[in-house]
Amino acid sequence: SILKKELEDEIKNYQTIINYDIGYNWWKYYIYCAFWNNISTPINLAVTILTALTTGQSASQNLISNSVNTQLGLCVLLLSIFNTFFRPYQQLSENLQVNKKWMRLGTKFDKLYYNKDYNNKDRYVKLKRLENLFNDVNNLKRDNPDNYLIDFLFIIIKFLCIRNKINWKNKKYINKNNNTNNNTN
């Protein structure tokens, strides 16, 4: 029937948009987290080790030479300034929280996507839930923090590594499942 076709088309439209938005943003914040994790841990470790060396030198006066001690002290200062200014560990924590929000929306999308619709009433309910999820996705997109340097890194990684796998759900699986999801009125 015409109503069934219209409802199914609208559902597929929402599913396509939501699938891309959730997948894109989940990958984006996954890259953010990976970047900040790979920055924060080595910096914190380096600050700890270099501080221990300079402290050991101050206590013993013959652990390392004075020129090396001065250079290490300068390195500790620069790393501490970087650590304080950019706050990589805090950036990691914030981006992990955002990534978890996207994962929760992906889980909601999964539940809606796999929910069978047997008649127009079920389709209408599914459509309303997809509209609500669509609004949640758009609200989260507006609230997300951005970092233009890492956005540039994400674009490069997306182009080189992720390519066509940016959606939350794999396209082959969605097309296969959508063909079996068209039930009678």
C-alpha atoms as a PDB file:
ATOM      1  CA  SER A   1       0.000   0.000   0.000  1.00  0.00           C
ATOM      2  CA  ILE A   2       1.007   3.629  -0.433  1.00  0.00           C
ATOM      3  CA  LEU A   3       1.160   4.384   3.305  1.00  0.00           C
ATOM      4  CA  LYS A   4       3.368   1.346   3.913  1.00  0.00           C
ATOM      5  CA  LYS A   5       5.776   2.422   1.140  1.00  0.00           C
ATOM      6  CA  GLU A   6       5.898   6.017   2.437  1.00  0.00           C
ATOM      7  CA  LEU A   7       6.574   4.876   6.012  1.00  0.00           C
ATOM      8  CA  GLU A   8       9.289   2.451   4.873  1.00  0.00           C
ATOM      9  CA  ASP A   9      10.952   5.135   2.734  1.00  0.00           C
ATOM     10  CA  GLU A  10      10.905   7.611   5.622  1.00  0.00           C
ATOM     11  CA  ILE A  11      12.306   4.980   8.000  1.00  0.00           C
ATOM     12  CA  LYS A  12      15.110   4.132   5.534  1.00  0.00           C
ATOM     13  CA  ASN A  13      15.871   7.830   5.092  1.00  0.00           C
ATOM     14  CA  TYR A  14      16.247   8.359   8.846  1.00  0.00           C
ATOM     15  CA  GLN A  15      18.260   5.162   9.195  1.00  0.00           C
ATOM     16  CA  THR A  16      20.702   6.250   6.474  1.00  0.00           C
ATOM     17  CA  ILE A  17      21.248   9.701   7.993  1.00  0.00           C
ATOM     18  CA  ILE A  18      21.519   8.468  11.583  1.00  0.00           C
ATOM     19  CA  ASN A  19      23.810   5.603  10.566  1.00  0.00           C
ATOM     20  CA  TYR A  20      26.264   8.009   8.928  1.00  0.00           C
ATOM     21  CA  ASP A  21      26.136  10.666  11.669  1.00  0.00           C
ATOM     22  CA  ILE A  22      26.697   8.213  14.509  1.00  0.00           C
ATOM     23  CA  GLY A  23      29.447   6.355  12.652  1.00  0.00           C
ATOM     24  CA  TYR A  24      31.228   9.520  11.569  1.00  0.00           C
ATOM     25  CA  ASN A  25      31.217  11.070  15.029  1.00  0.00           C
ATOM     26  CA  TRP A  26      32.084   7.817  16.812  1.00  0.00           C
ATOM     27  CA  TRP A  27      35.141   7.395  14.565  1.00  0.00           C
ATOM     28  CA  LYS A  28      36.048  11.057  14.962  1.00  0.00           C
ATOM     29  CA  TYR A  29      36.099  10.874  18.752  1.00  0.00           C
ATOM     30  CA  TYR A  30      37.803   7.480  18.649  1.00  0.00           C
ATOM     31  CA  ILE A  31      40.650   9.168  16.735  1.00  0.00           C
ATOM     32  CA  TYR A  32      40.593  12.067  19.216  1.00  0.00           C
ATOM     33  CA  CYS A  33      40.958   9.601  22.097  1.00  0.00           C
ATOM     34  CA  ALA A  34      43.738   7.669  20.383  1.00  0.00           C
ATOM     35  CA  PHE A  35      45.606  10.912  19.684  1.00  0.00           C
ATOM     36  CA  TRP A  36      45.353  12.259  23.234  1.00  0.00           C
ATOM     37  CA  ASN A  37      46.142   8.866  24.737  1.00  0.00           C
ATOM     38  CA  ASN A  38      49.311   8.606  22.662  1.00  0.00           C
ATOM     39  CA  ILE A  39      50.296  12.130  23.683  1.00  0.00           C
ATOM     40  CA  SER A  40      49.368  12.209  27.369  1.00  0.00           C
ATOM     41  CA  THR A  41      50.950   8.951  28.532  1.00  0.00           C
ATOM     42  CA  PRO A  42      54.450   9.557  27.105  1.00  0.00           C
ATOM     43  CA  ILE A  43      54.479  13.177  28.284  1.00  0.00           C
ATOM     44  CA  ASN A  44      53.463  12.263  31.823  1.00  0.00           C
ATOM     45  CA  LEU A  45      56.007   9.435  31.873  1.00  0.00           C
ATOM     46  CA  ALA A  46      58.759  11.708  30.526  1.00  0.00           C
ATOM     47  CA  VAL A  47      57.980  14.417  33.095  1.00  0.00           C
ATOM     48  CA  THR A  48      58.094  11.835  35.898  1.00  0.00           C
ATOM     49  CA  ILE A  49      61.385  10.257  34.771  1.00  0.00           C
ATOM     50  CA  LEU A  50      63.129  13.550  33.999  1.00  0.00           C
ATOM     51  CA  THR A  51      61.982  15.050  37.302  1.00  0.00           C
ATOM     52  CA  ALA A  52      63.354  12.007  39.129  1.00  0.00           C
ATOM     53  CA  LEU A  53      66.689  12.392  37.329  1.00  0.00           C
ATOM     54  CA  THR A  54      67.009  16.089  38.106  1.00  0.00           C
ATOM     55  CA  THR A  55      65.966  15.488  41.712  1.00  0.00           C
ATOM     56  CA  GLY A  56      68.534  12.684  41.991  1.00  0.00           C
ATOM     57  CA  GLN A  57      71.185  14.983  40.607  1.00  0.00           C
ATOM     58  CA  SER A  58      70.292  17.683  43.106  1.00  0.00           C
ATOM     59  CA  ALA A  59      70.605  15.186  45.956  1.00  0.00           C
ATOM     60  CA  SER A  60      73.822  13.443  44.873  1.00  0.00           C
ATOM     61  CA  GLN A  61      75.588  16.043  42.698  1.00  0.00           C
ATOM     62  CA  ASN A  62      77.400  13.289  40.753  1.00  0.00           C
ATOM     63  CA  LEU A  63      74.625  11.341  39.020  1.00  0.00           C
ATOM     64  CA  ILE A  64      74.841  13.379  35.786  1.00  0.00           C
ATOM     65  CA  SER A  65      76.848  16.395  34.655  1.00  0.00           C
ATOM     66  CA  ASN A  66      75.652  19.933  35.377  1.00  0.00           C
ATOM     67  CA  SER A  67      75.105  20.722  31.680  1.00  0.00           C
ATOM     68  CA  VAL A  68      72.954  17.587  31.207  1.00  0.00           C
ATOM     69  CA  ASN A  69      71.087  18.457  34.429  1.00  0.00           C
ATOM     70  CA  THR A  70      70.377  21.944  33.067  1.00  0.00           C
ATOM     71  CA  GLN A  71      69.152  20.502  29.759  1.00  0.00           C
ATOM     72  CA  LEU A  72      66.937  17.982  31.560  1.00  0.00           C
ATOM     73  CA  GLY A  73      65.541  20.730  33.783  1.00  0.00           C
ATOM     74  CA  LEU A  74      64.720  22.767  30.687  1.00  0.00           C
ATOM     75  CA  CYS A  75      63.037  19.720  29.078  1.00  0.00           C
ATOM     76  CA  VAL A  76      60.959  19.161  32.234  1.00  0.00           C
ATOM     77  CA  LEU A  77      59.944  22.826  32.170  1.00  0.00           C
ATOM     78  CA  LEU A  78      58.890  22.698  28.510  1.00  0.00           C
ATOM     79  CA  LEU A  79      57.023  19.405  28.894  1.00  0.00           C
ATOM     80  CA  SER A  80      55.282  20.703  32.025  1.00  0.00           C
ATOM     81  CA  ILE A  81      54.230  23.864  30.202  1.00  0.00           C
ATOM     82  CA  PHE A  82      52.895  21.773  27.289  1.00  0.00           C
ATOM     83  CA  ASN A  83      51.143  19.450  29.729  1.00  0.00           C
ATOM     84  CA  THR A  84      49.580  22.364  31.604  1.00  0.00           C
ATOM     85  CA  PHE A  85      48.565  24.332  28.535  1.00  0.00           C
ATOM     86  CA  PHE A  86      47.152  21.521  26.365  1.00  0.00           C
ATOM     87  CA  ARG A  87      46.004  19.248  29.221  1.00  0.00           C
ATOM     88  CA  PRO A  88      46.271  16.029  27.172  1.00  0.00           C
ATOM     89  CA  TYR A  89      44.968  13.799  29.961  1.00  0.00           C
ATOM     90  CA  GLN A  90      41.922  16.027  30.445  1.00  0.00           C
ATOM     91  CA  GLN A  91      41.395  16.123  26.668  1.00  0.00           C
ATOM     92  CA  LEU A  92      41.514  12.320  26.654  1.00  0.00           C
ATOM     93  CA  SER A  93      38.956  12.079  29.467  1.00  0.00           C
ATOM     94  CA  GLU A  94      36.572  14.565  27.844  1.00  0.00           C
ATOM     95  CA  ASN A  95      36.778  12.887  24.454  1.00  0.00           C
ATOM     96  CA  LEU A  96      36.242   9.445  26.001  1.00  0.00           C
ATOM     97  CA  GLN A  97      33.005  10.738  27.528  1.00  0.00           C
ATOM     98  CA  VAL A  98      31.846  12.127  24.186  1.00  0.00           C
ATOM     99  CA  ASN A  99      32.782   8.877  22.444  1.00  0.00           C
ATOM    100  CA  LYS A 100      30.715   6.937  25.003  1.00  0.00           C
ATOM    101  CA  LYS A 101      27.716   9.172  24.276  1.00  0.00           C
ATOM    102  CA  TRP A 102      28.028   8.364  20.578  1.00  0.00           C
ATOM    103  CA  MET A 103      28.309   4.668  21.414  1.00  0.00           C
ATOM    104  CA  ARG A 104      25.099   4.881  23.477  1.00  0.00           C
ATOM    105  CA  LEU A 105      23.301   6.505  20.543  1.00  0.00           C
ATOM    106  CA  GLY A 106      24.675   3.739  18.309  1.00  0.00           C
ATOM    107  CA  THR A 107      23.230   1.153  20.679  1.00  0.00           C
ATOM    108  CA  LYS A 108      19.836   2.901  20.564  1.00  0.00           C
ATOM    109  CA  PHE A 109      20.073   2.913  16.784  1.00  0.00           C
ATOM    110  CA  ASP A 110      20.859  -0.829  16.777  1.00  0.00           C
ATOM    111  CA  LYS A 111      17.782  -1.544  18.888  1.00  0.00           C
ATOM    112  CA  LEU A 112      15.557   0.485  16.581  1.00  0.00           C
ATOM    113  CA  TYR A 113      17.130  -0.885  13.444  1.00  0.00           C
ATOM    114  CA  TYR A 114      16.644  -4.521  14.385  1.00  0.00           C
ATOM    115  CA  ASN A 115      13.151  -3.976  15.763  1.00  0.00           C
ATOM    116  CA  LYS A 116      10.818  -5.698  13.304  1.00  0.00           C
ATOM    117  CA  ASP A 117       7.835  -3.803  11.984  1.00  0.00           C
ATOM    118  CA  TYR A 118       4.917  -6.036  11.071  1.00  0.00           C
ATOM    119  CA  ASN A 119       2.268  -3.448  10.283  1.00  0.00           C
ATOM    120  CA  ASN A 120       1.828   0.284   9.746  1.00  0.00           C
ATOM    121  CA  LYS A 121       1.288   0.915  13.443  1.00  0.00           C
ATOM    122  CA  ASP A 122       4.706  -0.651  14.191  1.00  0.00           C
ATOM    123  CA  ARG A 123       6.267   1.367  11.353  1.00  0.00           C
ATOM    124  CA  TYR A 124       4.769   4.579  12.675  1.00  0.00           C
ATOM    125  CA  VAL A 125       6.117   3.886  16.190  1.00  0.00           C
ATOM    126  CA  LYS A 126       9.533   3.047  14.727  1.00  0.00           C
ATOM    127  CA  LEU A 127       9.495   6.249  12.681  1.00  0.00           C
ATOM    128  CA  LYS A 128       8.687   8.356  15.763  1.00  0.00           C
ATOM    129  CA  ARG A 129      11.514   6.711  17.707  1.00  0.00           C
ATOM    130  CA  LEU A 130      13.900   7.316  14.814  1.00  0.00           C
ATOM    131  CA  GLU A 131      12.822  10.975  14.723  1.00  0.00           C
ATOM    132  CA  ASN A 132      13.595  11.249  18.456  1.00  0.00           C
ATOM    133  CA  LEU A 133      16.975   9.585  17.942  1.00  0.00           C
ATOM    134  CA  PHE A 134      17.649  11.924  15.026  1.00  0.00           C
ATOM    135  CA  ASN A 135      17.005  14.887  17.336  1.00  0.00           C
ATOM    136  CA  ASP A 136      19.323  13.386  19.995  1.00  0.00           C
ATOM    137  CA  VAL A 137      22.054  12.933  17.363  1.00  0.00           C
ATOM    138  CA  ASN A 138      21.718  16.531  16.205  1.00  0.00           C
ATOM    139  CA  ASN A 139      21.779  17.851  19.773  1.00  0.00           C
ATOM    140  CA  LEU A 140      24.949  15.903  20.541  1.00  0.00           C
ATOM    141  CA  LYS A 141      26.569  17.117  17.304  1.00  0.00           C
ATOM    142  CA  ARG A 142      25.971  20.716  18.417  1.00  0.00           C
ATOM    143  CA  ASP A 143      27.391  20.100  21.915  1.00  0.00           C
ATOM    144  CA  ASN A 144      30.564  18.268  20.839  1.00  0.00           C
ATOM    145  CA  PRO A 145      33.921  19.956  21.407  1.00  0.00           C
ATOM    146  CA  ASP A 146      36.115  20.370  18.330  1.00  0.00           C
ATOM    147  CA  ASN A 147      39.838  20.570  17.850  1.00  0.00           C
ATOM    148  CA  TYR A 148      40.833  21.738  14.388  1.00  0.00           C
ATOM    149  CA  LEU A 149      44.282  20.156  14.483  1.00  0.00           C
ATOM    150  CA  ILE A 150      42.845  16.745  15.313  1.00  0.00           C
ATOM    151  CA  ASP A 151      39.975  17.278  12.864  1.00  0.00           C
ATOM    152  CA  PHE A 152      42.646  17.623  10.174  1.00  0.00           C
ATOM    153  CA  LEU A 153      44.303  14.427  11.440  1.00  0.00           C
ATOM    154  CA  PHE A 154      40.898  12.690  11.365  1.00  0.00           C
ATOM    155  CA  ILE A 155      40.325  13.744   7.741  1.00  0.00           C
ATOM    156  CA  ILE A 156      43.684  12.253   6.763  1.00  0.00           C
ATOM    157  CA  ILE A 157      43.004   9.018   8.674  1.00  0.00           C
ATOM    158  CA  LYS A 158      39.492   8.816   7.255  1.00  0.00           C
ATOM    159  CA  PHE A 159      40.848   9.181   3.730  1.00  0.00           C
ATOM    160  CA  LEU A 160      43.754   6.755   4.174  1.00  0.00           C
ATOM    161  CA  CYS A 161      42.366   4.110   6.540  1.00  0.00           C
ATOM    162  CA  ILE A 162      38.637   4.215   7.184  1.00  0.00           C
ATOM    163  CA  ARG A 163      37.401   5.237   3.722  1.00  0.00           C
ATOM    164  CA  ASN A 164      33.936   3.743   3.170  1.00  0.00           C
ATOM    165  CA  LYS A 165      33.623   2.195   6.624  1.00  0.00           C
ATOM    166  CA  ILE A 166      32.583   5.439   8.328  1.00  0.00           C
ATOM    167  CA  ASN A 167      28.969   4.362   8.988  1.00  0.00           C
ATOM    168  CA  TRP A 168      27.912   2.909  12.324  1.00  0.00           C
ATOM    169  CA  LYS A 169      26.589  -0.187  10.570  1.00  0.00           C
ATOM    170  CA  ASN A 170      28.241  -1.837   7.567  1.00  0.00           C
ATOM    171  CA  LYS A 171      26.368  -0.980   4.339  1.00  0.00           C
ATOM    172  CA  LYS A 172      26.420  -4.555   2.995  1.00  0.00           C
ATOM    173  CA  TYR A 173      24.789  -5.816   6.168  1.00  0.00           C
ATOM    174  CA  ILE A 174      22.183  -3.032   6.192  1.00  0.00           C
ATOM    175  CA  ASN A 175      21.150  -3.659   2.584  1.00  0.00           C
ATOM    176  CA  LYS A 176      20.947  -7.402   3.208  1.00  0.00           C
ATOM    177  CA  ASN A 177      18.900  -6.885   6.389  1.00  0.00           C
ATOM    178  CA  ASN A 178      16.586  -4.252   4.847  1.00  0.00           C
ATOM    179  CA  ASN A 179      15.552  -6.702   2.136  1.00  0.00           C
ATOM    180  CA  THR A 180      14.353  -9.161   4.778  1.00  0.00           C
ATOM    181  CA  ASN A 181      12.800  -6.445   6.944  1.00  0.00           C
ATOM    182  CA  ASN A 182       9.968  -5.613   4.527  1.00  0.00           C
ATOM    183  CA  ASN A 183       7.057  -7.455   6.061  1.00  0.00           C
ATOM    184  CA  THR A 184       3.414  -7.423   5.093  1.00  0.00           C
ATOM    185  CA  ASN A 185       0.769  -5.041   6.396  1.00  0.00           C
END
